[in-house]
Amino acid sequence: AVTGFCLGGAVTLSAAFQVEGLSAALPFYGNPRADLVDFSRKTPPIQGHFASRDTFVDAARTRSIADGVNAAGGSFELFVYEANHAFMRVGDEAAYDAPSAELAWSRAIPFLHAHLD
């Protein structure tokens, strides 16, 4: 599996489209470059965690990517939290949102357990 936050989230989604053999992808608030998104390629199951008030990541583009994966027969479970970008960043009072972070972890850990041996 692959996971990442912000730029790492973008890399995670890129890997979902470009790296064969992944069992799961778990991006947090990041979108890949358009040329790396290829709906004709089989993706691993994806569970994405994004913020509704994110000024860095385009929510409409994220939804479009999730819809494209699902339409192509893949699985992209998209969660959007009432939070700002970097809501998982513990120690950053300007960004961290404990309720959203706790909910995201409560979804992410079972997702990884379900898809990893």
N, C-alpha and C. Protein backbone atom coordinates (compact mmCIF):
# COMPACT_ATOMS: atom_id res chain seq x y z
N ALA A 1 0.85 -1.18 0.00
CA ALA A 1 0.00 0.00 0.00
C ALA A 1 0.89 1.23 0.00
N VAL A 2 0.27 2.33 -0.37
CA VAL A 2 0.97 3.61 -0.34
C VAL A 2 0.04 4.63 0.29
N THR A 3 0.62 5.54 1.09
CA THR A 3 -0.14 6.62 1.69
C THR A 3 0.73 7.86 1.75
N GLY A 4 0.08 9.01 1.83
CA GLY A 4 0.83 10.25 1.95
C GLY A 4 -0.11 11.41 2.20
N PHE A 5 0.49 12.51 2.61
CA PHE A 5 -0.25 13.71 2.98
C PHE A 5 0.23 14.88 2.12
N CYS A 6 -0.71 15.71 1.65
CA CYS A 6 -0.40 16.90 0.84
C CYS A 6 0.31 16.46 -0.44
N LEU A 7 1.55 16.87 -0.65
CA LEU A 7 2.28 16.42 -1.84
C LEU A 7 2.35 14.89 -1.84
N GLY A 8 2.51 14.31 -0.67
CA GLY A 8 2.51 12.85 -0.56
C GLY A 8 1.17 12.24 -0.95
N GLY A 9 0.08 12.97 -0.71
CA GLY A 9 -1.24 12.50 -1.16
C GLY A 9 -1.33 12.50 -2.67
N ALA A 10 -0.75 13.52 -3.29
CA ALA A 10 -0.70 13.57 -4.75
C ALA A 10 0.14 12.43 -5.30
N VAL A 11 1.26 12.16 -4.65
CA VAL A 11 2.13 11.05 -5.07
C VAL A 11 1.40 9.72 -4.88
N THR A 12 0.64 9.61 -3.79
CA THR A 12 -0.13 8.39 -3.54
C THR A 12 -1.12 8.13 -4.66
N LEU A 13 -1.87 9.17 -5.07
CA LEU A 13 -2.81 8.98 -6.17
C LEU A 13 -2.09 8.71 -7.48
N SER A 14 -0.98 9.35 -7.72
CA SER A 14 -0.18 9.06 -8.92
C SER A 14 0.23 7.60 -8.94
N ALA A 15 0.71 7.11 -7.80
CA ALA A 15 1.13 5.71 -7.70
C ALA A 15 -0.03 4.76 -7.97
N ALA A 16 -1.22 5.12 -7.50
CA ALA A 16 -2.39 4.26 -7.74
C ALA A 16 -2.63 4.04 -9.23
N PHE A 17 -2.32 5.04 -10.04
CA PHE A 17 -2.51 4.93 -11.49
C PHE A 17 -1.28 4.38 -12.20
N GLN A 18 -0.11 4.52 -11.62
CA GLN A 18 1.13 4.24 -12.34
C GLN A 18 1.91 3.03 -11.86
N VAL A 19 1.68 2.57 -10.63
CA VAL A 19 2.48 1.48 -10.07
C VAL A 19 1.64 0.22 -9.99
N GLU A 20 2.07 -0.81 -10.66
CA GLU A 20 1.34 -2.09 -10.62
C GLU A 20 1.66 -2.84 -9.33
N GLY A 21 0.69 -3.62 -8.89
CA GLY A 21 0.92 -4.50 -7.75
C GLY A 21 0.58 -3.92 -6.39
N LEU A 22 0.09 -2.69 -6.34
CA LEU A 22 -0.30 -2.12 -5.05
C LEU A 22 -1.61 -2.76 -4.57
N SER A 23 -1.71 -2.97 -3.27
CA SER A 23 -2.93 -3.53 -2.69
C SER A 23 -3.92 -2.46 -2.27
N ALA A 24 -3.43 -1.25 -2.04
CA ALA A 24 -4.31 -0.16 -1.59
C ALA A 24 -3.58 1.16 -1.73
N ALA A 25 -4.37 2.24 -1.85
CA ALA A 25 -3.83 3.60 -1.86
C ALA A 25 -4.67 4.44 -0.92
N LEU A 26 -4.00 5.23 -0.08
CA LEU A 26 -4.66 6.01 0.96
C LEU A 26 -4.15 7.45 0.95
N PRO A 27 -4.67 8.28 0.01
CA PRO A 27 -4.21 9.67 -0.07
C PRO A 27 -4.95 10.58 0.90
N PHE A 28 -4.20 11.54 1.43
CA PHE A 28 -4.76 12.59 2.26
C PHE A 28 -4.47 13.92 1.57
N TYR A 29 -5.51 14.60 1.17
CA TYR A 29 -5.51 15.95 0.58
C TYR A 29 -4.36 16.24 -0.37
N GLY A 30 -4.41 15.59 -1.52
CA GLY A 30 -3.47 15.88 -2.59
C GLY A 30 -3.98 15.33 -3.90
N ASN A 31 -3.80 16.05 -4.99
CA ASN A 31 -4.21 15.60 -6.32
C ASN A 31 -2.98 15.47 -7.22
N PRO A 32 -2.96 14.44 -8.06
CA PRO A 32 -1.82 14.24 -8.96
C PRO A 32 -1.91 15.15 -10.19
N ARG A 33 -0.79 15.22 -10.89
CA ARG A 33 -0.80 15.92 -12.18
C ARG A 33 -1.78 15.20 -13.10
N ALA A 34 -2.43 15.95 -13.96
CA ALA A 34 -3.44 15.39 -14.86
C ALA A 34 -2.88 14.31 -15.77
N ASP A 35 -1.64 14.46 -16.22
CA ASP A 35 -1.07 13.47 -17.14
C ASP A 35 -0.77 12.13 -16.47
N LEU A 36 -0.87 12.06 -15.14
CA LEU A 36 -0.62 10.80 -14.43
C LEU A 36 -1.91 10.04 -14.11
N VAL A 37 -3.04 10.63 -14.43
CA VAL A 37 -4.34 10.00 -14.18
C VAL A 37 -4.77 9.29 -15.45
N ASP A 38 -4.86 7.97 -15.37
CA ASP A 38 -5.20 7.15 -16.53
C ASP A 38 -6.27 6.15 -16.13
N PHE A 39 -7.52 6.45 -16.46
CA PHE A 39 -8.64 5.61 -16.04
C PHE A 39 -8.67 4.26 -16.75
N SER A 40 -7.86 4.09 -17.78
CA SER A 40 -7.81 2.80 -18.47
C SER A 40 -6.95 1.78 -17.70
N ARG A 41 -6.18 2.27 -16.74
CA ARG A 41 -5.33 1.38 -15.95
C ARG A 41 -6.08 0.90 -14.71
N LYS A 42 -5.85 -0.35 -14.34
CA LYS A 42 -6.46 -0.90 -13.13
C LYS A 42 -5.79 -0.25 -11.92
N THR A 43 -6.59 0.23 -11.00
CA THR A 43 -6.06 0.83 -9.78
C THR A 43 -6.34 -0.09 -8.59
N PRO A 44 -5.55 0.05 -7.53
CA PRO A 44 -5.90 -0.66 -6.30
C PRO A 44 -7.09 0.06 -5.66
N PRO A 45 -7.71 -0.54 -4.67
CA PRO A 45 -8.74 0.19 -3.93
C PRO A 45 -8.13 1.48 -3.35
N ILE A 46 -8.88 2.56 -3.46
CA ILE A 46 -8.42 3.87 -2.98
C ILE A 46 -9.41 4.39 -1.95
N GLN A 47 -8.88 4.89 -0.85
CA GLN A 47 -9.71 5.60 0.12
C GLN A 47 -9.05 6.96 0.33
N GLY A 48 -9.76 8.02 -0.07
CA GLY A 48 -9.20 9.36 0.00
C GLY A 48 -9.84 10.20 1.08
N HIS A 49 -9.00 11.02 1.73
CA HIS A 49 -9.45 11.89 2.81
C HIS A 49 -9.08 13.33 2.45
N PHE A 50 -10.11 14.16 2.28
CA PHE A 50 -9.92 15.52 1.79
C PHE A 50 -10.72 16.49 2.64
N ALA A 51 -10.42 17.77 2.50
CA ALA A 51 -11.05 18.81 3.33
C ALA A 51 -11.92 19.73 2.48
N SER A 52 -13.07 20.08 2.99
CA SER A 52 -14.00 20.94 2.25
C SER A 52 -13.51 22.38 2.13
N ARG A 53 -12.68 22.82 3.08
CA ARG A 53 -12.19 24.19 3.06
C ARG A 53 -10.72 24.26 2.65
N ASP A 54 -10.30 23.32 1.85
CA ASP A 54 -8.90 23.26 1.40
C ASP A 54 -8.68 24.28 0.29
N THR A 55 -7.76 25.20 0.50
CA THR A 55 -7.48 26.21 -0.52
C THR A 55 -6.36 25.78 -1.46
N PHE A 56 -5.76 24.59 -1.23
CA PHE A 56 -4.67 24.10 -2.06
C PHE A 56 -5.11 23.00 -3.02
N VAL A 57 -6.10 22.22 -2.64
CA VAL A 57 -6.53 21.07 -3.42
C VAL A 57 -7.93 21.32 -3.95
N ASP A 58 -8.10 21.18 -5.25
CA ASP A 58 -9.37 21.42 -5.93
C ASP A 58 -10.33 20.27 -5.66
N ALA A 59 -11.36 20.53 -4.84
CA ALA A 59 -12.32 19.49 -4.46
C ALA A 59 -13.07 18.93 -5.67
N ALA A 60 -13.40 19.77 -6.64
CA ALA A 60 -14.11 19.29 -7.83
C ALA A 60 -13.24 18.32 -8.62
N ARG A 61 -11.95 18.59 -8.69
CA ARG A 61 -11.03 17.69 -9.40
C ARG A 61 -10.92 16.36 -8.66
N THR A 62 -10.86 16.43 -7.34
CA THR A 62 -10.81 15.20 -6.54
C THR A 62 -12.05 14.36 -6.80
N ARG A 63 -13.21 14.99 -6.78
CA ARG A 63 -14.47 14.27 -7.03
C ARG A 63 -14.46 13.68 -8.43
N SER A 64 -13.96 14.40 -9.41
CA SER A 64 -13.88 13.92 -10.78
C SER A 64 -12.97 12.69 -10.89
N ILE A 65 -11.86 12.71 -10.19
CA ILE A 65 -10.96 11.55 -10.20
C ILE A 65 -11.65 10.35 -9.56
N ALA A 66 -12.29 10.55 -8.42
CA ALA A 66 -13.00 9.45 -7.75
C ALA A 66 -14.09 8.90 -8.65
N ASP A 67 -14.86 9.78 -9.27
CA ASP A 67 -15.93 9.34 -10.17
C ASP A 67 -15.37 8.56 -11.35
N GLY A 68 -14.23 9.01 -11.90
CA GLY A 68 -13.61 8.32 -13.02
C GLY A 68 -13.12 6.94 -12.66
N VAL A 69 -12.52 6.80 -11.49
CA VAL A 69 -12.05 5.48 -11.03
C VAL A 69 -13.25 4.55 -10.87
N ASN A 70 -14.30 5.04 -10.19
CA ASN A 70 -15.47 4.20 -9.96
C ASN A 70 -16.18 3.84 -11.26
N ALA A 71 -16.26 4.76 -12.20
CA ALA A 71 -16.89 4.49 -13.50
C ALA A 71 -16.10 3.46 -14.30
N ALA A 72 -14.80 3.41 -14.08
CA ALA A 72 -13.94 2.47 -14.81
C ALA A 72 -13.90 1.09 -14.13
N GLY A 73 -14.69 0.92 -13.07
CA GLY A 73 -14.76 -0.37 -12.41
C GLY A 73 -13.85 -0.50 -11.20
N GLY A 74 -13.15 0.57 -10.84
CA GLY A 74 -12.31 0.56 -9.65
C GLY A 74 -13.10 0.96 -8.43
N SER A 75 -12.38 1.16 -7.34
CA SER A 75 -13.02 1.55 -6.10
C SER A 75 -12.28 2.74 -5.50
N PHE A 76 -12.96 3.88 -5.45
CA PHE A 76 -12.41 5.08 -4.82
C PHE A 76 -13.46 5.58 -3.84
N GLU A 77 -13.20 5.35 -2.57
CA GLU A 77 -14.08 5.81 -1.50
C GLU A 77 -13.56 7.17 -1.07
N LEU A 78 -14.35 8.20 -1.27
CA LEU A 78 -13.92 9.58 -1.00
C LEU A 78 -14.64 10.13 0.22
N PHE A 79 -13.85 10.61 1.17
CA PHE A 79 -14.39 11.26 2.36
C PHE A 79 -13.94 12.71 2.36
N VAL A 80 -14.87 13.61 2.60
CA VAL A 80 -14.57 15.04 2.67
C VAL A 80 -15.01 15.53 4.04
N TYR A 81 -14.08 16.17 4.73
CA TYR A 81 -14.30 16.62 6.10
C TYR A 81 -14.48 18.13 6.13
N GLU A 82 -15.29 18.60 7.06
CA GLU A 82 -15.48 20.04 7.27
C GLU A 82 -14.25 20.55 8.01
N ALA A 83 -13.20 20.75 7.25
CA ALA A 83 -11.91 21.12 7.83
C ALA A 83 -11.08 21.85 6.77
N ASN A 84 -9.91 22.30 7.21
CA ASN A 84 -8.96 22.95 6.31
C ASN A 84 -7.90 21.96 5.85
N HIS A 85 -7.12 22.37 4.86
CA HIS A 85 -5.98 21.59 4.40
C HIS A 85 -5.10 21.23 5.60
N ALA A 86 -4.54 20.05 5.59
CA ALA A 86 -3.62 19.58 6.64
C ALA A 86 -4.33 19.34 7.97
N PHE A 87 -5.59 18.96 7.92
CA PHE A 87 -6.35 18.75 9.15
C PHE A 87 -5.81 17.59 9.99
N MET A 88 -4.94 16.77 9.44
CA MET A 88 -4.35 15.66 10.17
C MET A 88 -3.05 16.05 10.89
N ARG A 89 -2.56 17.25 10.68
CA ARG A 89 -1.24 17.66 11.16
C ARG A 89 -1.27 18.01 12.65
N VAL A 90 -1.03 17.01 13.47
CA VAL A 90 -0.98 17.20 14.92
C VAL A 90 0.12 18.19 15.25
N GLY A 91 -0.15 19.08 16.16
CA GLY A 91 0.86 20.06 16.57
C GLY A 91 0.76 21.37 15.83
N ASP A 92 -0.04 21.42 14.77
CA ASP A 92 -0.24 22.65 14.01
C ASP A 92 -1.63 23.17 14.35
N GLU A 93 -1.70 24.06 15.32
CA GLU A 93 -2.99 24.55 15.80
C GLU A 93 -3.81 25.23 14.71
N ALA A 94 -3.15 25.79 13.71
CA ALA A 94 -3.87 26.47 12.64
C ALA A 94 -4.54 25.49 11.68
N ALA A 95 -4.06 24.27 11.63
CA ALA A 95 -4.59 23.31 10.66
C ALA A 95 -5.28 22.11 11.31
N TYR A 96 -4.74 21.60 12.39
CA TYR A 96 -5.22 20.35 12.97
C TYR A 96 -6.67 20.47 13.41
N ASP A 97 -7.45 19.47 13.01
CA ASP A 97 -8.85 19.38 13.41
C ASP A 97 -9.06 17.99 14.00
N ALA A 98 -9.04 17.90 15.33
CA ALA A 98 -9.09 16.61 16.02
C ALA A 98 -10.28 15.74 15.63
N PRO A 99 -11.51 16.27 15.60
CA PRO A 99 -12.63 15.38 15.23
C PRO A 99 -12.48 14.80 13.82
N SER A 100 -12.04 15.63 12.87
CA SER A 100 -11.86 15.13 11.50
C SER A 100 -10.73 14.13 11.44
N ALA A 101 -9.63 14.42 12.12
CA ALA A 101 -8.48 13.51 12.12
C ALA A 101 -8.85 12.16 12.74
N GLU A 102 -9.54 12.20 13.84
CA GLU A 102 -9.94 10.95 14.50
C GLU A 102 -10.88 10.14 13.61
N LEU A 103 -11.82 10.80 12.96
CA LEU A 103 -12.73 10.10 12.06
C LEU A 103 -11.96 9.52 10.87
N ALA A 104 -11.04 10.28 10.32
CA ALA A 104 -10.24 9.78 9.19
C ALA A 104 -9.44 8.54 9.59
N TRP A 105 -8.77 8.58 10.75
CA TRP A 105 -8.02 7.41 11.20
C TRP A 105 -8.95 6.23 11.43
N SER A 106 -10.15 6.48 11.96
CA SER A 106 -11.08 5.37 12.23
C SER A 106 -11.55 4.71 10.94
N ARG A 107 -11.43 5.39 9.83
CA ARG A 107 -11.77 4.82 8.51
C ARG A 107 -10.54 4.23 7.83
N ALA A 108 -9.40 4.92 7.97
CA ALA A 108 -8.18 4.52 7.26
C ALA A 108 -7.60 3.20 7.76
N ILE A 109 -7.54 3.02 9.06
CA ILE A 109 -6.91 1.81 9.61
C ILE A 109 -7.68 0.56 9.19
N PRO A 110 -9.00 0.51 9.34
CA PRO A 110 -9.74 -0.68 8.86
C PRO A 110 -9.58 -0.89 7.35
N PHE A 111 -9.54 0.20 6.59
CA PHE A 111 -9.33 0.09 5.13
C PHE A 111 -8.01 -0.63 4.85
N LEU A 112 -6.95 -0.21 5.52
CA LEU A 112 -5.65 -0.86 5.30
C LEU A 112 -5.70 -2.32 5.75
N HIS A 113 -6.30 -2.59 6.89
CA HIS A 113 -6.41 -3.99 7.34
C HIS A 113 -7.19 -4.84 6.36
N ALA A 114 -8.21 -4.29 5.75
CA ALA A 114 -9.02 -5.05 4.79
C ALA A 114 -8.29 -5.38 3.51
N HIS A 115 -7.30 -4.54 3.13
CA HIS A 115 -6.66 -4.73 1.84
C HIS A 115 -5.23 -5.23 1.90
N LEU A 116 -4.66 -5.33 3.09
CA LEU A 116 -3.30 -5.83 3.22
C LEU A 116 -3.33 -7.21 3.86
N ASP A 117 -2.45 -8.06 3.43
CA ASP A 117 -2.40 -9.44 3.96
C ASP A 117 -1.83 -9.47 5.35
